[in-house]
C-alpha atoms as a PDB file:
ATOM      1  CA  MET A   1    -175.129 -20.447 -48.443  1.00  0.00           C
ATOM      2  CA  ASP A   2    -173.280 -23.733 -47.936  1.00  0.00           C
ATOM      3  CA  ARG A   3    -169.687 -22.690 -47.288  1.00  0.00           C
ATOM      4  CA  ILE A   4    -167.303 -22.543 -44.407  1.00  0.00           C
ATOM      5  CA  ARG A   5    -166.496 -19.123 -43.001  1.00  0.00           C
ATOM      6  CA  VAL A   6    -164.023 -17.699 -40.545  1.00  0.00           C
ATOM      7  CA  LEU A   7    -167.057 -16.159 -38.826  1.00  0.00           C
ATOM      8  CA  PRO A   8    -169.881 -18.664 -39.340  1.00  0.00           C
ATOM      9  CA  ASP A   9    -173.502 -17.491 -39.314  1.00  0.00           C
ATOM     10  CA  THR A  10    -174.295 -20.214 -36.786  1.00  0.00           C
ATOM     11  CA  VAL A  11    -171.806 -21.650 -34.323  1.00  0.00           C
ATOM     12  CA  THR A  12    -172.036 -25.439 -34.191  1.00  0.00           C
ATOM     13  CA  ASN A  13    -169.861 -28.428 -33.439  1.00  0.00           C
ATOM     14  CA  ASP A  14    -169.779 -29.376 -37.128  1.00  0.00           C
ATOM     15  CA  TYR A  15    -166.355 -29.179 -38.737  1.00  0.00           C
ATOM     16  CA  PRO A  16    -166.410 -29.822 -42.483  1.00  0.00           C
ATOM     17  CA  GLY A  17    -162.800 -28.710 -43.084  1.00  0.00           C
ATOM     18  CA  ALA A  18    -159.764 -30.908 -43.734  1.00  0.00           C
ATOM     19  CA  ARG A  19    -159.084 -33.539 -41.081  1.00  0.00           C
ATOM     20  CA  VAL A  20    -155.379 -32.641 -40.962  1.00  0.00           C
ATOM     21  CA  ALA A  21    -156.310 -29.108 -39.892  1.00  0.00           C
ATOM     22  CA  LEU A  22    -158.518 -30.509 -37.126  1.00  0.00           C
ATOM     23  CA  TRP A  23    -155.734 -32.766 -35.845  1.00  0.00           C
ATOM     24  CA  PHE A  24    -153.187 -29.969 -36.059  1.00  0.00           C
ATOM     25  CA  PHE A  25    -155.549 -27.833 -33.969  1.00  0.00           C
ATOM     26  CA  VAL A  26    -155.603 -30.646 -31.381  1.00  0.00           C
ATOM     27  CA  ALA A  27    -151.777 -30.594 -31.358  1.00  0.00           C
ATOM     28  CA  LEU A  28    -151.733 -26.781 -31.108  1.00  0.00           C
ATOM     29  CA  THR A  29    -154.110 -27.024 -28.154  1.00  0.00           C
ATOM     30  CA  ALA A  30    -151.939 -29.595 -26.372  1.00  0.00           C
ATOM     31  CA  PHE A  31    -148.784 -27.568 -27.068  1.00  0.00           C
ATOM     32  CA  THR A  32    -150.400 -24.377 -25.756  1.00  0.00           C
ATOM     33  CA  LEU A  33    -151.631 -26.140 -22.605  1.00  0.00           C
ATOM     34  CA  ILE A  34    -148.219 -27.660 -21.872  1.00  0.00           C
ATOM     35  CA  ARG A  35    -146.370 -24.412 -22.565  1.00  0.00           C
ATOM     36  CA  SER A  36    -148.722 -22.448 -20.324  1.00  0.00           C
ATOM     37  CA  VAL A  37    -148.275 -24.837 -17.400  1.00  0.00           C
ATOM     38  CA  ILE A  38    -144.479 -24.706 -17.771  1.00  0.00           C
ATOM     39  CA  HIS A  39    -144.521 -20.894 -17.596  1.00  0.00           C
ATOM     40  CA  ILE A  40    -146.748 -21.030 -14.526  1.00  0.00           C
ATOM     41  CA  VAL A  41    -144.984 -23.773 -12.522  1.00  0.00           C
ATOM     42  CA  ALA A  42    -141.295 -23.654 -13.555  1.00  0.00           C
ATOM     43  CA  PRO A  43    -139.228 -21.927 -10.875  1.00  0.00           C
ATOM     44  CA  ASP A  44    -137.895 -19.426 -13.431  1.00  0.00           C
ATOM     45  CA  GLY A  45    -141.088 -19.441 -15.516  1.00  0.00           C
ATOM     46  CA  GLY A  46    -138.955 -20.822 -18.337  1.00  0.00           C
ATOM     47  CA  ALA A  47    -137.283 -17.424 -18.720  1.00  0.00           C
ATOM     48  CA  GLN A  48    -133.712 -18.677 -18.284  1.00  0.00           C
ATOM     49  CA  SER A  49    -134.120 -22.442 -18.586  1.00  0.00           C
ATOM     50  CA  ILE A  50    -135.965 -22.234 -21.922  1.00  0.00           C
ATOM     51  CA  ALA A  51    -135.823 -18.674 -23.287  1.00  0.00           C
ATOM     52  CA  THR A  52    -132.148 -18.284 -22.242  1.00  0.00           C
ATOM     53  CA  ILE A  53    -132.723 -14.870 -20.648  1.00  0.00           C
ATOM     54  CA  PRO A  54    -129.689 -14.436 -18.358  1.00  0.00           C
ATOM     55  CA  LEU A  55    -131.632 -13.939 -15.121  1.00  0.00           C
ATOM     56  CA  ASP A  56    -128.481 -14.515 -13.053  1.00  0.00           C
ATOM     57  CA  SER A  57    -127.115 -11.229 -14.438  1.00  0.00           C
ATOM     58  CA  PHE A  58    -130.200  -9.327 -13.227  1.00  0.00           C
ATOM     59  CA  SER A  59    -130.738  -7.857  -9.796  1.00  0.00           C
ATOM     60  CA  PRO A  60    -132.869 -10.111  -7.580  1.00  0.00           C
ATOM     61  CA  ASN A  61    -135.835  -7.763  -8.033  1.00  0.00           C
ATOM     62  CA  GLY A  62    -135.313  -7.597 -11.803  1.00  0.00           C
ATOM     63  CA  ALA A  63    -135.144 -11.396 -12.091  1.00  0.00           C
ATOM     64  CA  ALA A  64    -138.246 -11.734  -9.901  1.00  0.00           C
ATOM     65  CA  ALA A  65    -140.112  -9.285 -12.157  1.00  0.00           C
ATOM     66  CA  VAL A  66    -139.212 -11.251 -15.299  1.00  0.00           C
ATOM     67  CA  ILE A  67    -140.223 -14.533 -13.643  1.00  0.00           C
ATOM     68  CA  HIS A  68    -143.509 -12.968 -12.560  1.00  0.00           C
ATOM     69  CA  LEU A  69    -144.188 -11.733 -16.106  1.00  0.00           C
ATOM     70  CA  PHE A  70    -143.474 -15.206 -17.501  1.00  0.00           C
ATOM     71  CA  GLY A  71    -145.974 -16.621 -15.006  1.00  0.00           C
ATOM     72  CA  LEU A  72    -148.573 -14.086 -16.116  1.00  0.00           C
ATOM     73  CA  TRP A  73    -147.817 -14.960 -19.729  1.00  0.00           C
ATOM     74  CA  GLY A  74    -148.393 -18.601 -18.836  1.00  0.00           C
ATOM     75  CA  LEU A  75    -151.749 -17.670 -17.320  1.00  0.00           C
ATOM     76  CA  SER A  76    -152.841 -15.869 -20.490  1.00  0.00           C
ATOM     77  CA  GLN A  77    -151.686 -18.878 -22.529  1.00  0.00           C
ATOM     78  CA  LEU A  78    -153.754 -21.113 -20.261  1.00  0.00           C
ATOM     79  CA  VAL A  79    -156.824 -18.971 -20.956  1.00  0.00           C
ATOM     80  CA  VAL A  80    -156.218 -19.249 -24.713  1.00  0.00           C
ATOM     81  CA  ALA A  81    -155.631 -23.005 -24.438  1.00  0.00           C
ATOM     82  CA  SER A  82    -158.870 -23.350 -22.463  1.00  0.00           C
ATOM     83  CA  LEU A  83    -160.717 -21.581 -25.267  1.00  0.00           C
ATOM     84  CA  TYR A  84    -159.091 -23.983 -27.760  1.00  0.00           C
ATOM     85  CA  VAL A  85    -160.390 -26.899 -25.657  1.00  0.00           C
ATOM     86  CA  VAL A  86    -163.907 -25.431 -25.646  1.00  0.00           C
ATOM     87  CA  VAL A  87    -163.774 -24.984 -29.427  1.00  0.00           C
ATOM     88  CA  LEU A  88    -162.648 -28.600 -29.881  1.00  0.00           C
ATOM     89  CA  ALA A  89    -165.258 -29.954 -27.496  1.00  0.00           C
ATOM     90  CA  ARG A  90    -168.277 -27.896 -28.481  1.00  0.00           C
ATOM     91  CA  TYR A  91    -167.767 -25.268 -31.202  1.00  0.00           C
ATOM     92  CA  ARG A  92    -165.663 -26.762 -33.997  1.00  0.00           C
ATOM     93  CA  SER A  93    -167.153 -24.429 -36.589  1.00  0.00           C
ATOM     94  CA  LEU A  94    -164.942 -21.754 -34.949  1.00  0.00           C
ATOM     95  CA  ILE A  95    -161.677 -23.568 -35.755  1.00  0.00           C
ATOM     96  CA  PRO A  96    -160.958 -21.320 -38.781  1.00  0.00           C
ATOM     97  CA  LEU A  97    -161.459 -18.216 -36.623  1.00  0.00           C
ATOM     98  CA  PHE A  98    -159.100 -19.576 -33.979  1.00  0.00           C
ATOM     99  CA  TYR A  99    -156.500 -20.356 -36.633  1.00  0.00           C
ATOM    100  CA  LEU A 100    -156.750 -16.742 -37.761  1.00  0.00           C
ATOM    101  CA  LEU A 101    -156.358 -15.535 -34.170  1.00  0.00           C
ATOM    102  CA  ALA A 102    -153.322 -17.802 -33.693  1.00  0.00           C
ATOM    103  CA  ILE A 103    -151.751 -16.370 -36.853  1.00  0.00           C
ATOM    104  CA  VAL A 104    -152.262 -12.850 -35.503  1.00  0.00           C
ATOM    105  CA  GLU A 105    -150.809 -13.828 -32.111  1.00  0.00           C
ATOM    106  CA  TYR A 106    -147.672 -15.444 -33.538  1.00  0.00           C
ATOM    107  CA  ALA A 107    -147.176 -12.694 -36.127  1.00  0.00           C
ATOM    108  CA  VAL A 108    -147.350  -9.989 -33.459  1.00  0.00           C
ATOM    109  CA  ARG A 109    -144.901 -12.002 -31.335  1.00  0.00           C
ATOM    110  CA  LEU A 110    -142.514 -11.953 -34.281  1.00  0.00           C
ATOM    111  CA  VAL A 111    -142.946  -8.207 -34.749  1.00  0.00           C
ATOM    112  CA  LEU A 112    -142.330  -7.637 -31.033  1.00  0.00           C
ATOM    113  CA  THR A 113    -139.134  -9.685 -31.271  1.00  0.00           C
ATOM    114  CA  PHE A 114    -137.737  -6.969 -33.520  1.00  0.00           C
ATOM    115  CA  ALA A 115    -139.521  -3.970 -31.980  1.00  0.00           C
ATOM    116  CA  LYS A 116    -138.673  -4.829 -28.374  1.00  0.00           C
ATOM    117  CA  PRO A 117    -135.709  -7.221 -28.413  1.00  0.00           C
ATOM    118  CA  VAL A 118    -134.527  -8.998 -25.281  1.00  0.00           C
ATOM    119  CA  GLU A 119    -130.900 -10.007 -24.875  1.00  0.00           C
ATOM    120  CA  THR A 120    -130.584 -13.752 -24.465  1.00  0.00           C
ATOM    121  CA  ALA A 121    -127.704 -16.179 -24.028  1.00  0.00           C
ATOM    122  CA  GLY A 122    -128.938 -18.344 -26.896  1.00  0.00           C
ATOM    123  CA  THR A 123    -131.803 -18.830 -29.274  1.00  0.00           C
ATOM    124  CA  ALA A 124    -135.049 -19.765 -27.569  1.00  0.00           C
ATOM    125  CA  PRO A 125    -137.146 -22.493 -29.222  1.00  0.00           C
ATOM    126  CA  GLY A 126    -140.043 -20.052 -29.481  1.00  0.00           C
ATOM    127  CA  ALA A 127    -137.944 -17.660 -31.562  1.00  0.00           C
ATOM    128  CA  ILE A 128    -137.472 -20.315 -34.222  1.00  0.00           C
ATOM    129  CA  GLY A 129    -140.986 -21.646 -33.755  1.00  0.00           C
ATOM    130  CA  ASN A 130    -142.564 -18.318 -34.721  1.00  0.00           C
ATOM    131  CA  TYR A 131    -140.950 -18.454 -38.166  1.00  0.00           C
ATOM    132  CA  VAL A 132    -142.064 -22.045 -38.705  1.00  0.00           C
ATOM    133  CA  LEU A 133    -145.499 -21.897 -37.118  1.00  0.00           C
ATOM    134  CA  ILE A 134    -146.897 -18.831 -38.894  1.00  0.00           C
ATOM    135  CA  PRO A 135    -146.835 -20.360 -42.403  1.00  0.00           C
ATOM    136  CA  ILE A 136    -148.062 -23.708 -41.058  1.00  0.00           C
ATOM    137  CA  LEU A 137    -150.965 -21.952 -39.332  1.00  0.00           C
ATOM    138  CA  GLY A 138    -151.718 -20.177 -42.626  1.00  0.00           C
ATOM    139  CA  VAL A 139    -151.914 -23.502 -44.447  1.00  0.00           C
ATOM    140  CA  MET A 140    -154.066 -24.965 -41.663  1.00  0.00           C
ATOM    141  CA  LEU A 141    -156.408 -21.972 -41.859  1.00  0.00           C
ATOM    142  CA  TRP A 142    -156.754 -22.507 -45.594  1.00  0.00           C
ATOM    143  CA  LEU A 143    -157.334 -26.248 -45.113  1.00  0.00           C
ATOM    144  CA  SER A 144    -159.859 -25.613 -42.334  1.00  0.00           C
ATOM    145  CA  LEU A 145    -161.853 -23.421 -44.731  1.00  0.00           C
ATOM    146  CA  ARG A 146    -161.956 -26.083 -47.458  1.00  0.00           C
ATOM    147  CA  ARG A 147    -164.865 -28.473 -47.422  1.00  0.00           C
ATOM    148  CA  ARG A 148    -163.935 -32.166 -47.231  1.00  0.00           C
ATOM    149  CA  LYS A 149    -164.936 -34.344 -50.144  1.00  0.00           C
ATOM    150  CA  GLY A 150    -167.225 -37.206 -49.347  1.00  0.00           C
END
């Protein structure tokens, strides 16, 4: 059957979906790579400088634990970003699947924001980004599943 699937029968480098969804996936990949490196190399892992978690009000051991967890989070983001790079370079037929996985990731992040809140001094960019990115990823998933004309 000649249609695009989230789980294709054969994994190839062919991507017949909308070009905008392909280019957005490139941007998502770059964003994920950059974000992961920041969490790994920033002295505070981005916990206070970006996420506005008041590390200076924590005990030294508590702050160190949060910074360590942000570094680990950066490592897991780097793994995901590396998979995005592999998909872009070699397995583009998996782009719809990776959009679906990104939707799940960001949706669960949003749920965890309410289920396990963290007190912050301000609003982190990621907190706003989750609300914006989930519907955009949904549209990109839909566009990635549509066959281009011509």
